[in-house]
Amino acid sequence: MTERALDAAVDAARAAGAIALGYYRGRFDVSLKADATPVTQADREAEQAIVEILSRAFPGFGVLGEEFGSRGSGDVRWIIDPIDGTKNFVRGIPIWATLIALEERGEVTVGVVHNPVTGDLYTARRGAGAFLNGTRLSVSGVAGLDEAFLVHAGLTILREAGCWDGFVRLVDATARQRGFGDYWGYGLLAEGRVDIYMEADLKPWDLAACKLLVEEAGGRFTDLDGRATIYSGTALATNGRLHDAVLALLRR
């Protein structure tokens, strides 16, 4: 079933990406949601297209989407972010993607991440590996923090989330740091190009597909307290070898 679900999610992501790309290269209006984050016609129309395609393929599955909320079954449901990186989208920065995951009784079993600007397509199925454009992915073999490449998703966000002291300790312990952010940090981690990625102020749709991508590439995903969840609002992804050492620094 997960193979068929992955195919449907890829179709939905490509359809949503085509809609979003049309707006990205043209004109669109931006408004603010209640949490002061931006939303566009592209976000809404892309999510509607995803739900339509997935509901035809799997009419009994529920949906949790960023723009239109939850409906249907909570036991087996799609988790959807039509445009992860809307702030980048609005500013014309090509680091944004459609994220679709299938969650079955609390476990993510299918994940798709599609950037229509670059054409990159990340896919993962539980127990079947993670892939970028059909090439299997594997995390890095870096075993020491002093050699590690750390990626974060925003300094102000980490400070406001109360993570600052631990983050500074991690900066001091690692070899290189950059702030690529959003879905791309998880993609780079799964590709073995970076070794640690942390972020905060998150929702489940930001993380579901990315969690599976990291795990199926051989990495480890938890929140900043070490819990393997997408529901606490924070995230830490590593190549696995570094995970306990990172958590120890964050907790000190």
C-alpha atoms as a PDB file:
ATOM      1  CA  MET A   1       0.000   0.000   0.000  1.00  0.00           C
ATOM      2  CA  THR A   2       2.790   2.453   0.811  1.00  0.00           C
ATOM      3  CA  GLU A   3       4.200   2.133  -2.716  1.00  0.00           C
ATOM      4  CA  ARG A   4       0.853   3.161  -4.203  1.00  0.00           C
ATOM      5  CA  ALA A   5       0.554   5.935  -1.607  1.00  0.00           C
ATOM      6  CA  LEU A   6       3.998   7.217  -2.555  1.00  0.00           C
ATOM      7  CA  ASP A   7       3.023   7.328  -6.225  1.00  0.00           C
ATOM      8  CA  ALA A   8      -0.124   9.303  -5.377  1.00  0.00           C
ATOM      9  CA  ALA A   9       1.830  11.707  -3.167  1.00  0.00           C
ATOM     10  CA  VAL A  10       4.365  12.317  -5.947  1.00  0.00           C
ATOM     11  CA  ASP A  11       1.543  13.060  -8.404  1.00  0.00           C
ATOM     12  CA  ALA A  12      -0.052  15.444  -5.922  1.00  0.00           C
ATOM     13  CA  ALA A  13       3.229  17.199  -5.151  1.00  0.00           C
ATOM     14  CA  ARG A  14       3.983  17.724  -8.823  1.00  0.00           C
ATOM     15  CA  ALA A  15       0.498  19.117  -9.474  1.00  0.00           C
ATOM     16  CA  ALA A  16       0.755  21.471  -6.497  1.00  0.00           C
ATOM     17  CA  GLY A  17       4.241  22.493  -7.549  1.00  0.00           C
ATOM     18  CA  ALA A  18       3.036  23.454 -11.013  1.00  0.00           C
ATOM     19  CA  ILE A  19       0.354  25.679  -9.479  1.00  0.00           C
ATOM     20  CA  ALA A  20       2.782  27.310  -7.050  1.00  0.00           C
ATOM     21  CA  LEU A  21       5.427  27.800  -9.717  1.00  0.00           C
ATOM     22  CA  GLY A  22       2.973  29.686 -11.894  1.00  0.00           C
ATOM     23  CA  TYR A  23       2.416  32.204  -9.102  1.00  0.00           C
ATOM     24  CA  TYR A  24       6.112  32.299  -8.173  1.00  0.00           C
ATOM     25  CA  ARG A  25       7.024  33.391 -11.695  1.00  0.00           C
ATOM     26  CA  GLY A  26       4.105  35.784 -11.961  1.00  0.00           C
ATOM     27  CA  ARG A  27       2.056  37.889  -9.570  1.00  0.00           C
ATOM     28  CA  PHE A  28       0.327  37.051  -6.312  1.00  0.00           C
ATOM     29  CA  ASP A  29      -1.149  38.738  -3.241  1.00  0.00           C
ATOM     30  CA  VAL A  30       0.227  38.147   0.237  1.00  0.00           C
ATOM     31  CA  SER A  31      -1.816  38.267   3.443  1.00  0.00           C
ATOM     32  CA  LEU A  32      -0.997  37.442   7.051  1.00  0.00           C
ATOM     33  CA  LYS A  33      -2.515  34.594   9.023  1.00  0.00           C
ATOM     34  CA  ALA A  34      -3.408  34.843  12.714  1.00  0.00           C
ATOM     35  CA  ASP A  35       0.141  33.818  13.667  1.00  0.00           C
ATOM     36  CA  ALA A  36       1.563  36.654  11.508  1.00  0.00           C
ATOM     37  CA  THR A  37       3.029  34.266   8.933  1.00  0.00           C
ATOM     38  CA  PRO A  38       2.392  35.004   5.242  1.00  0.00           C
ATOM     39  CA  VAL A  39      -0.020  33.107   3.013  1.00  0.00           C
ATOM     40  CA  THR A  40      -0.722  33.446  -0.722  1.00  0.00           C
ATOM     41  CA  GLN A  41      -3.213  32.182  -3.288  1.00  0.00           C
ATOM     42  CA  ALA A  42      -0.523  29.694  -4.245  1.00  0.00           C
ATOM     43  CA  ASP A  43      -0.551  28.080  -0.776  1.00  0.00           C
ATOM     44  CA  ARG A  44      -4.308  27.660  -0.784  1.00  0.00           C
ATOM     45  CA  GLU A  45      -4.722  26.478  -4.366  1.00  0.00           C
ATOM     46  CA  ALA A  46      -1.795  24.073  -4.060  1.00  0.00           C
ATOM     47  CA  GLU A  47      -3.247  22.470  -0.929  1.00  0.00           C
ATOM     48  CA  GLN A  48      -6.658  22.150  -2.569  1.00  0.00           C
ATOM     49  CA  ALA A  49      -5.084  20.368  -5.544  1.00  0.00           C
ATOM     50  CA  ILE A  50      -3.169  17.995  -3.254  1.00  0.00           C
ATOM     51  CA  VAL A  51      -6.259  17.090  -1.242  1.00  0.00           C
ATOM     52  CA  GLU A  52      -8.307  16.524  -4.385  1.00  0.00           C
ATOM     53  CA  ILE A  53      -5.752  14.130  -5.892  1.00  0.00           C
ATOM     54  CA  LEU A  54      -5.101  12.219  -2.672  1.00  0.00           C
ATOM     55  CA  SER A  55      -8.781  11.958  -1.772  1.00  0.00           C
ATOM     56  CA  ARG A  56      -9.534  10.404  -5.148  1.00  0.00           C
ATOM     57  CA  ALA A  57      -6.746   7.865  -4.687  1.00  0.00           C
ATOM     58  CA  PHE A  58      -7.475   7.098  -1.008  1.00  0.00           C
ATOM     59  CA  PRO A  59     -10.986   8.292  -0.107  1.00  0.00           C
ATOM     60  CA  GLY A  60     -10.877   6.842   3.414  1.00  0.00           C
ATOM     61  CA  PHE A  61      -7.772   8.697   4.581  1.00  0.00           C
ATOM     62  CA  GLY A  62      -7.904  11.826   6.704  1.00  0.00           C
ATOM     63  CA  VAL A  63      -6.031  15.065   6.032  1.00  0.00           C
ATOM     64  CA  LEU A  64      -4.079  17.531   8.156  1.00  0.00           C
ATOM     65  CA  GLY A  65      -3.065  20.535   6.070  1.00  0.00           C
ATOM     66  CA  GLU A  66      -1.439  23.846   6.931  1.00  0.00           C
ATOM     67  CA  GLU A  67      -4.021  26.008   5.195  1.00  0.00           C
ATOM     68  CA  PHE A  68      -7.326  24.173   5.700  1.00  0.00           C
ATOM     69  CA  GLY A  69      -6.747  22.188   8.880  1.00  0.00           C
ATOM     70  CA  SER A  70      -7.867  18.687   9.792  1.00  0.00           C
ATOM     71  CA  ARG A  71     -10.646  16.542   8.378  1.00  0.00           C
ATOM     72  CA  GLY A  72     -11.559  12.865   8.350  1.00  0.00           C
ATOM     73  CA  SER A  73      -9.757  10.008  10.074  1.00  0.00           C
ATOM     74  CA  GLY A  74      -6.927  10.727  12.473  1.00  0.00           C
ATOM     75  CA  ASP A  75      -5.673   7.143  12.414  1.00  0.00           C
ATOM     76  CA  VAL A  76      -4.484   7.201   8.802  1.00  0.00           C
ATOM     77  CA  ARG A  77      -4.027  10.657   7.360  1.00  0.00           C
ATOM     78  CA  TRP A  78      -2.055  12.773   4.944  1.00  0.00           C
ATOM     79  CA  ILE A  79      -0.036  15.631   6.456  1.00  0.00           C
ATOM     80  CA  ILE A  80       0.426  18.465   3.952  1.00  0.00           C
ATOM     81  CA  ASP A  81       2.433  21.652   3.679  1.00  0.00           C
ATOM     82  CA  PRO A  82       1.658  23.065   0.214  1.00  0.00           C
ATOM     83  CA  ILE A  83       4.576  25.527   0.336  1.00  0.00           C
ATOM     84  CA  ASP A  84       7.232  25.008   2.979  1.00  0.00           C
ATOM     85  CA  GLY A  85       9.217  28.225   2.931  1.00  0.00           C
ATOM     86  CA  THR A  86       6.473  30.709   2.053  1.00  0.00           C
ATOM     87  CA  LYS A  87       8.656  33.610   3.210  1.00  0.00           C
ATOM     88  CA  ASN A  88      11.302  32.523   0.703  1.00  0.00           C
ATOM     89  CA  PHE A  89       8.588  32.105  -1.941  1.00  0.00           C
ATOM     90  CA  VAL A  90       7.338  35.642  -1.335  1.00  0.00           C
ATOM     91  CA  ARG A  91      10.862  37.107  -1.635  1.00  0.00           C
ATOM     92  CA  GLY A  92      11.712  35.175  -4.792  1.00  0.00           C
ATOM     93  CA  ILE A  93      14.217  32.873  -3.076  1.00  0.00           C
ATOM     94  CA  PRO A  94      14.047  29.393  -4.681  1.00  0.00           C
ATOM     95  CA  ILE A  95      14.288  27.435  -1.429  1.00  0.00           C
ATOM     96  CA  TRP A  96      10.709  26.251  -0.968  1.00  0.00           C
ATOM     97  CA  ALA A  97       8.930  22.964  -1.520  1.00  0.00           C
ATOM     98  CA  THR A  98       5.715  20.997  -1.278  1.00  0.00           C
ATOM     99  CA  LEU A  99       5.753  18.503   1.607  1.00  0.00           C
ATOM    100  CA  ILE A 100       3.406  15.518   1.763  1.00  0.00           C
ATOM    101  CA  ALA A 101       3.529  12.669   4.296  1.00  0.00           C
ATOM    102  CA  LEU A 102       1.319   9.721   5.161  1.00  0.00           C
ATOM    103  CA  GLU A 103       0.913   9.063   8.880  1.00  0.00           C
ATOM    104  CA  GLU A 104      -0.479   5.688   9.958  1.00  0.00           C
ATOM    105  CA  ARG A 105      -1.431   5.389  13.619  1.00  0.00           C
ATOM    106  CA  GLY A 106       1.216   7.877  14.661  1.00  0.00           C
ATOM    107  CA  GLU A 107       4.024   6.633  12.408  1.00  0.00           C
ATOM    108  CA  VAL A 108       5.040   8.396   9.207  1.00  0.00           C
ATOM    109  CA  THR A 109       5.304   5.772   6.451  1.00  0.00           C
ATOM    110  CA  VAL A 110       5.536   7.852   3.252  1.00  0.00           C
ATOM    111  CA  GLY A 111       7.242  11.170   2.604  1.00  0.00           C
ATOM    112  CA  VAL A 112       7.589  13.397  -0.472  1.00  0.00           C
ATOM    113  CA  VAL A 113       9.439  16.717  -0.746  1.00  0.00           C
ATOM    114  CA  HIS A 114       9.301  18.500  -4.108  1.00  0.00           C
ATOM    115  CA  ASN A 115      10.937  21.783  -5.098  1.00  0.00           C
ATOM    116  CA  PRO A 116       9.386  22.771  -8.444  1.00  0.00           C
ATOM    117  CA  VAL A 117      11.964  25.513  -9.089  1.00  0.00           C
ATOM    118  CA  THR A 118      14.931  23.128  -9.080  1.00  0.00           C
ATOM    119  CA  GLY A 119      12.924  20.024 -10.007  1.00  0.00           C
ATOM    120  CA  ASP A 120      14.340  18.151  -7.011  1.00  0.00           C
ATOM    121  CA  LEU A 121      12.152  15.341  -5.721  1.00  0.00           C
ATOM    122  CA  TYR A 122      12.934  13.638  -2.408  1.00  0.00           C
ATOM    123  CA  THR A 123      10.977  10.455  -1.663  1.00  0.00           C
ATOM    124  CA  ALA A 124      10.940   7.972   1.206  1.00  0.00           C
ATOM    125  CA  ARG A 125       8.984   4.925   2.324  1.00  0.00           C
ATOM    126  CA  ARG A 126       9.310   3.329   5.742  1.00  0.00           C
ATOM    127  CA  GLY A 127      11.825   0.497   5.441  1.00  0.00           C
ATOM    128  CA  ALA A 128      12.545   1.153   1.750  1.00  0.00           C
ATOM    129  CA  GLY A 129      15.100   3.975   1.864  1.00  0.00           C
ATOM    130  CA  ALA A 130      15.243   7.653   0.907  1.00  0.00           C
ATOM    131  CA  PHE A 131      15.943   8.975  -2.575  1.00  0.00           C
ATOM    132  CA  LEU A 132      16.669  12.224  -4.407  1.00  0.00           C
ATOM    133  CA  ASN A 133      15.592  12.124  -8.052  1.00  0.00           C
ATOM    134  CA  GLY A 134      15.818   8.345  -7.920  1.00  0.00           C
ATOM    135  CA  THR A 135      19.294   8.162  -6.341  1.00  0.00           C
ATOM    136  CA  ARG A 136      19.469   6.542  -2.921  1.00  0.00           C
ATOM    137  CA  LEU A 137      20.565   8.814  -0.083  1.00  0.00           C
ATOM    138  CA  SER A 138      22.826   8.190   2.894  1.00  0.00           C
ATOM    139  CA  VAL A 139      23.834  10.450   5.760  1.00  0.00           C
ATOM    140  CA  SER A 140      27.449  11.365   6.428  1.00  0.00           C
ATOM    141  CA  GLY A 141      29.974   9.325   8.362  1.00  0.00           C
ATOM    142  CA  VAL A 142      31.244  12.265  10.422  1.00  0.00           C
ATOM    143  CA  ALA A 143      31.785  11.032  13.975  1.00  0.00           C
ATOM    144  CA  GLY A 144      33.152  14.066  15.820  1.00  0.00           C
ATOM    145  CA  LEU A 145      31.514  17.390  16.608  1.00  0.00           C
ATOM    146  CA  ASP A 146      34.795  19.128  15.825  1.00  0.00           C
ATOM    147  CA  GLU A 147      34.382  18.021  12.191  1.00  0.00           C
ATOM    148  CA  ALA A 148      30.642  18.592  11.946  1.00  0.00           C
ATOM    149  CA  PHE A 149      28.713  20.996   9.704  1.00  0.00           C
ATOM    150  CA  LEU A 150      25.807  22.528  11.647  1.00  0.00           C
ATOM    151  CA  VAL A 151      22.771  24.018   9.899  1.00  0.00           C
ATOM    152  CA  HIS A 152      20.031  26.053  11.575  1.00  0.00           C
ATOM    153  CA  ALA A 153      16.780  27.651  10.430  1.00  0.00           C
ATOM    154  CA  GLY A 154      17.003  31.086  12.014  1.00  0.00           C
ATOM    155  CA  LEU A 155      18.810  32.724  14.923  1.00  0.00           C
ATOM    156  CA  THR A 156      15.935  34.817  16.265  1.00  0.00           C
ATOM    157  CA  ILE A 157      13.658  31.784  16.288  1.00  0.00           C
ATOM    158  CA  LEU A 158      16.136  29.783  18.363  1.00  0.00           C
ATOM    159  CA  ARG A 159      16.626  32.667  20.791  1.00  0.00           C
ATOM    160  CA  GLU A 160      12.881  33.170  21.252  1.00  0.00           C
ATOM    161  CA  ALA A 161      12.354  29.424  21.737  1.00  0.00           C
ATOM    162  CA  GLY A 162      14.757  29.412  24.687  1.00  0.00           C
ATOM    163  CA  CYS A 163      17.383  27.359  22.839  1.00  0.00           C
ATOM    164  CA  TRP A 164      20.061  30.018  22.635  1.00  0.00           C
ATOM    165  CA  ASP A 165      22.559  28.892  25.264  1.00  0.00           C
ATOM    166  CA  GLY A 166      22.573  25.318  23.991  1.00  0.00           C
ATOM    167  CA  PHE A 167      22.845  26.506  20.407  1.00  0.00           C
ATOM    168  CA  VAL A 168      25.876  28.663  21.235  1.00  0.00           C
ATOM    169  CA  ARG A 169      27.561  25.668  22.894  1.00  0.00           C
ATOM    170  CA  LEU A 170      26.886  23.699  19.727  1.00  0.00           C
ATOM    171  CA  VAL A 171      28.293  26.466  17.537  1.00  0.00           C
ATOM    172  CA  ASP A 172      31.455  26.502  19.632  1.00  0.00           C
ATOM    173  CA  ALA A 173      31.790  22.712  19.349  1.00  0.00           C
ATOM    174  CA  THR A 174      31.281  22.353  15.581  1.00  0.00           C
ATOM    175  CA  ALA A 175      33.507  23.097  12.602  1.00  0.00           C
ATOM    176  CA  ARG A 176      31.130  25.094  10.392  1.00  0.00           C
ATOM    177  CA  GLN A 177      27.693  26.670  10.662  1.00  0.00           C
ATOM    178  CA  ARG A 178      25.215  27.988   8.121  1.00  0.00           C
ATOM    179  CA  GLY A 179      21.521  28.968   8.132  1.00  0.00           C
ATOM    180  CA  PHE A 180      19.979  27.306   5.069  1.00  0.00           C
ATOM    181  CA  GLY A 181      16.651  26.571   6.748  1.00  0.00           C
ATOM    182  CA  ASP A 182      13.285  25.037   5.907  1.00  0.00           C
ATOM    183  CA  TYR A 183      13.034  21.670   4.113  1.00  0.00           C
ATOM    184  CA  TRP A 184      16.475  22.095   2.548  1.00  0.00           C
ATOM    185  CA  GLY A 185      18.308  21.512   5.820  1.00  0.00           C
ATOM    186  CA  TYR A 186      16.807  18.024   6.047  1.00  0.00           C
ATOM    187  CA  GLY A 187      17.572  17.353   2.401  1.00  0.00           C
ATOM    188  CA  LEU A 188      21.215  18.318   2.859  1.00  0.00           C
ATOM    189  CA  LEU A 189      21.376  16.155   5.989  1.00  0.00           C
ATOM    190  CA  ALA A 190      19.902  13.133   4.187  1.00  0.00           C
ATOM    191  CA  GLU A 191      22.337  13.660   1.293  1.00  0.00           C
ATOM    192  CA  GLY A 192      25.301  13.585   3.691  1.00  0.00           C
ATOM    193  CA  ARG A 193      26.300  17.171   2.852  1.00  0.00           C
ATOM    194  CA  VAL A 194      25.732  18.468   6.409  1.00  0.00           C
ATOM    195  CA  ASP A 195      25.719  16.621   9.727  1.00  0.00           C
ATOM    196  CA  ILE A 196      23.405  18.444  12.163  1.00  0.00           C
ATOM    197  CA  TYR A 197      20.226  20.462  11.612  1.00  0.00           C
ATOM    198  CA  MET A 198      18.143  22.104  14.326  1.00  0.00           C
ATOM    199  CA  GLU A 199      15.129  24.384  14.283  1.00  0.00           C
ATOM    200  CA  ALA A 200      12.190  25.553  16.402  1.00  0.00           C
ATOM    201  CA  ASP A 201       8.702  27.097  16.137  1.00  0.00           C
ATOM    202  CA  LEU A 202       7.410  24.233  14.009  1.00  0.00           C
ATOM    203  CA  LYS A 203       4.173  22.473  13.105  1.00  0.00           C
ATOM    204  CA  PRO A 204       3.690  18.795  12.179  1.00  0.00           C
ATOM    205  CA  TRP A 205       3.367  19.594   8.474  1.00  0.00           C
ATOM    206  CA  ASP A 206       6.828  21.175   8.537  1.00  0.00           C
ATOM    207  CA  LEU A 207       8.362  17.937   9.786  1.00  0.00           C
ATOM    208  CA  ALA A 208       6.437  14.789   8.860  1.00  0.00           C
ATOM    209  CA  ALA A 209       7.930  14.142   5.423  1.00  0.00           C
ATOM    210  CA  CYS A 210      11.359  15.396   6.504  1.00  0.00           C
ATOM    211  CA  LYS A 211      11.512  13.098   9.544  1.00  0.00           C
ATOM    212  CA  LEU A 212      11.049  10.024   7.376  1.00  0.00           C
ATOM    213  CA  LEU A 213      13.536  11.293   4.795  1.00  0.00           C
ATOM    214  CA  VAL A 214      16.230  11.650   7.460  1.00  0.00           C
ATOM    215  CA  GLU A 215      15.506   8.310   9.101  1.00  0.00           C
ATOM    216  CA  GLU A 216      15.416   6.360   5.847  1.00  0.00           C
ATOM    217  CA  ALA A 217      18.760   7.905   4.860  1.00  0.00           C
ATOM    218  CA  GLY A 218      20.222   6.427   8.052  1.00  0.00           C
ATOM    219  CA  GLY A 219      19.990   9.496  10.273  1.00  0.00           C
ATOM    220  CA  ARG A 220      18.173  10.211  13.501  1.00  0.00           C
ATOM    221  CA  PHE A 221      15.348  12.672  14.125  1.00  0.00           C
ATOM    222  CA  THR A 222      14.027  13.885  17.486  1.00  0.00           C
ATOM    223  CA  ASP A 223      12.929  17.111  19.081  1.00  0.00           C
ATOM    224  CA  LEU A 224      15.453  19.161  21.047  1.00  0.00           C
ATOM    225  CA  ASP A 225      14.630  17.119  24.159  1.00  0.00           C
ATOM    226  CA  GLY A 226      15.386  13.829  22.433  1.00  0.00           C
ATOM    227  CA  ARG A 227      11.817  12.661  21.791  1.00  0.00           C
ATOM    228  CA  ALA A 228      11.059  11.103  18.408  1.00  0.00           C
ATOM    229  CA  THR A 229       8.059  13.324  17.673  1.00  0.00           C
ATOM    230  CA  ILE A 230       6.866  15.872  15.123  1.00  0.00           C
ATOM    231  CA  TYR A 231       4.422  17.436  17.585  1.00  0.00           C
ATOM    232  CA  SER A 232       6.543  19.321  20.151  1.00  0.00           C
ATOM    233  CA  GLY A 233       7.502  22.343  18.017  1.00  0.00           C
ATOM    234  CA  THR A 234      11.258  21.715  17.851  1.00  0.00           C
ATOM    235  CA  ALA A 235      13.444  19.421  15.745  1.00  0.00           C
ATOM    236  CA  LEU A 236      16.941  17.989  15.704  1.00  0.00           C
ATOM    237  CA  ALA A 237      18.209  15.876  12.804  1.00  0.00           C
ATOM    238  CA  THR A 238      21.694  14.381  12.675  1.00  0.00           C
ATOM    239  CA  ASN A 239      23.614  11.638  10.937  1.00  0.00           C
ATOM    240  CA  GLY A 240      22.898   9.537  14.030  1.00  0.00           C
ATOM    241  CA  ARG A 241      26.504   9.250  15.160  1.00  0.00           C
ATOM    242  CA  LEU A 242      26.438  12.770  16.586  1.00  0.00           C
ATOM    243  CA  HIS A 243      22.941  12.812  18.025  1.00  0.00           C
ATOM    244  CA  ASP A 244      23.613  11.964  21.670  1.00  0.00           C
ATOM    245  CA  ALA A 245      26.559  14.378  21.832  1.00  0.00           C
ATOM    246  CA  VAL A 246      24.408  17.174  20.399  1.00  0.00           C
ATOM    247  CA  LEU A 247      21.583  16.500  22.855  1.00  0.00           C
ATOM    248  CA  ALA A 248      24.073  16.525  25.726  1.00  0.00           C
ATOM    249  CA  LEU A 249      25.305  19.984  24.713  1.00  0.00           C
ATOM    250  CA  LEU A 250      21.778  21.324  24.309  1.00  0.00           C
ATOM    251  CA  ARG A 251      20.738  20.005  27.746  1.00  0.00           C
ATOM    252  CA  ARG A 252      23.773  21.159  29.730  1.00  0.00           C
END
